[in-house]
């Protein structure tokens, strides 16, 4: 059964589906960014609870109440922060393509700066699901 995305996700999210593996294959420089430019994600229900949740848990809830969301908290704490967070400028702010759990972990660790790769919108055809990606 397909559920409709909540309005907040429609308002802030991408309007295309991407393949994370194709994003990872992009050759882009990494740079430092203030974590504050990305922590707005923490108030949006990007996370799905299990088994029947659908965009129903915010990263803030996971970080504030780890015992209520043990699987997501564990996933967050196990995130490999050696990889930069992949972001794209979308609707006038930086939106995460890949790395929400890495961002959450670094915020929980008190980091003020994170490593990011800025994916240009011109790369959308290269990362879209079902399209040929970078070789």
Protein backbone atom coordinates (compact mmCIF):
# COMPACT_ATOMS: atom_id res chain seq x y z
CA UNK A 1 0.00 0.00 0.00
CA UNK A 2 1.44 3.33 -1.01
CA UNK A 3 1.11 6.20 1.42
CA UNK A 4 1.14 9.82 0.41
CA UNK A 5 4.07 11.88 1.63
CA UNK A 6 3.19 14.35 4.40
CA UNK A 7 2.84 17.97 3.29
CA UNK A 8 5.99 19.06 5.16
CA UNK A 9 8.04 16.54 3.15
CA UNK A 10 6.46 17.82 -0.07
CA UNK A 11 7.28 21.38 1.00
CA UNK A 12 10.95 20.84 1.88
CA UNK A 13 11.96 17.64 0.11
CA UNK A 14 13.25 16.86 -3.34
CA UNK A 15 10.77 16.27 -6.14
CA UNK A 16 12.85 13.48 -7.67
CA UNK A 17 14.07 10.07 -6.49
CA UNK A 18 17.80 9.49 -6.37
CA UNK A 19 20.06 6.52 -6.01
CA UNK A 20 22.50 7.01 -3.12
CA UNK A 21 25.08 4.79 -4.85
CA UNK A 22 25.07 7.16 -7.82
CA UNK A 23 25.54 10.11 -5.45
CA UNK A 24 28.52 8.37 -3.83
CA UNK A 25 30.12 7.89 -7.25
CA UNK A 26 30.16 11.61 -8.03
CA UNK A 27 33.63 13.15 -7.91
CA UNK A 28 33.16 16.28 -5.82
CA UNK A 29 35.38 18.14 -3.37
CA UNK A 30 34.56 18.02 0.34
CA UNK A 31 34.47 21.20 2.39
CA UNK A 32 33.65 22.34 5.89
CA UNK A 33 30.22 23.76 6.74
CA UNK A 34 28.71 25.04 9.96
CA UNK A 35 26.45 22.33 11.35
CA UNK A 36 23.85 25.04 12.00
CA UNK A 37 23.15 25.26 8.26
CA UNK A 38 21.88 21.68 8.33
CA UNK A 39 20.27 21.13 11.73
CA UNK A 40 16.90 22.39 10.46
CA UNK A 41 16.54 18.79 9.22
CA UNK A 42 16.17 17.69 12.84
CA UNK A 43 12.64 19.14 13.08
CA UNK A 44 11.31 17.38 9.96
CA UNK A 45 9.90 13.82 10.21
CA UNK A 46 12.35 12.26 7.74
CA UNK A 47 12.60 9.00 9.69
CA UNK A 48 10.13 6.12 9.53
CA UNK A 49 9.36 4.22 12.68
CA UNK A 50 8.85 0.51 12.34
CA UNK A 51 6.83 -1.44 11.35
CA UNK A 52 4.06 0.84 10.12
CA UNK A 53 5.51 4.34 10.41
CA UNK A 54 5.81 6.67 7.46
CA UNK A 55 7.74 9.91 7.92
CA UNK A 56 6.65 9.93 11.54
CA UNK A 57 9.80 10.50 13.61
CA UNK A 58 12.06 13.54 13.62
CA UNK A 59 15.81 13.30 14.13
CA UNK A 60 15.32 15.52 17.22
CA UNK A 61 13.04 12.89 18.74
CA UNK A 62 15.62 10.16 18.13
CA UNK A 63 18.40 12.23 19.71
CA UNK A 64 16.28 13.43 22.67
CA UNK A 65 14.59 10.09 23.40
CA UNK A 66 16.97 7.29 22.33
CA UNK A 67 15.13 4.68 24.44
CA UNK A 68 11.92 5.34 22.48
CA UNK A 69 13.73 4.87 19.16
CA UNK A 70 16.52 2.39 19.92
CA UNK A 71 16.99 1.11 16.36
CA UNK A 72 17.33 4.60 14.86
CA UNK A 73 19.54 5.76 17.72
CA UNK A 74 21.82 2.76 17.27
CA UNK A 75 21.92 3.36 13.51
CA UNK A 76 22.85 6.98 14.24
CA UNK A 77 25.62 6.09 16.67
CA UNK A 78 27.04 3.52 14.24
CA UNK A 79 27.15 6.01 11.33
CA UNK A 80 30.58 6.33 9.72
CA UNK A 81 31.36 10.03 9.97
CA UNK A 82 34.53 9.70 7.92
CA UNK A 83 32.32 10.22 4.86
CA UNK A 84 31.09 13.73 4.08
CA UNK A 85 27.38 14.58 4.01
CA UNK A 86 26.03 14.97 0.47
CA UNK A 87 23.84 18.05 0.12
CA UNK A 88 22.16 20.04 -2.64
CA UNK A 89 20.90 23.62 -2.64
CA UNK A 90 17.14 23.16 -2.92
CA UNK A 91 14.42 25.73 -2.35
CA UNK A 92 16.96 28.21 -1.01
CA UNK A 93 18.59 25.97 1.60
CA UNK A 94 20.92 23.00 1.81
CA UNK A 95 19.03 19.71 1.75
CA UNK A 96 20.65 16.36 2.54
CA UNK A 97 20.83 13.74 -0.19
CA UNK A 98 22.81 11.32 1.95
CA UNK A 99 24.12 11.57 5.50
CA UNK A 100 21.27 12.42 7.88
CA UNK A 101 22.44 9.85 10.45
CA UNK A 102 26.05 11.09 10.11
CA UNK A 103 24.80 14.64 10.78
CA UNK A 104 22.80 13.47 13.78
CA UNK A 105 25.81 11.64 15.25
CA UNK A 106 28.08 14.64 14.82
CA UNK A 107 25.48 16.91 16.43
CA UNK A 108 25.20 14.48 19.35
CA UNK A 109 29.00 14.63 19.68
CA UNK A 110 28.87 18.43 19.89
CA UNK A 111 30.52 19.09 16.53
CA UNK A 112 30.09 22.61 15.18
CA UNK A 113 31.52 21.95 11.71
CA UNK A 114 30.84 19.01 9.38
CA UNK A 115 32.36 17.90 6.08
CA UNK A 116 29.99 18.15 3.11
CA UNK A 117 29.97 17.61 -0.62
CA UNK A 118 27.80 20.09 -2.49
CA UNK A 119 26.05 18.27 -5.31
CA UNK A 120 25.03 20.71 -8.06
CA UNK A 121 21.49 20.56 -9.42
CA UNK A 122 23.07 19.88 -12.80
CA UNK A 123 23.93 16.40 -11.45
CA UNK A 124 20.26 15.43 -11.01
CA UNK A 125 20.17 13.46 -14.31
CA UNK A 126 23.25 11.52 -13.14
CA UNK A 127 21.78 10.47 -9.79
CA UNK A 128 18.10 9.95 -10.60
CA UNK A 129 16.80 6.43 -10.02
CA UNK A 130 16.37 4.51 -13.23
CA UNK A 131 18.73 6.80 -15.16
CA UNK A 132 22.30 6.00 -16.14
CA UNK A 133 24.65 7.26 -13.49
CA UNK A 134 28.32 8.17 -13.62
CA UNK A 135 30.57 5.41 -14.85
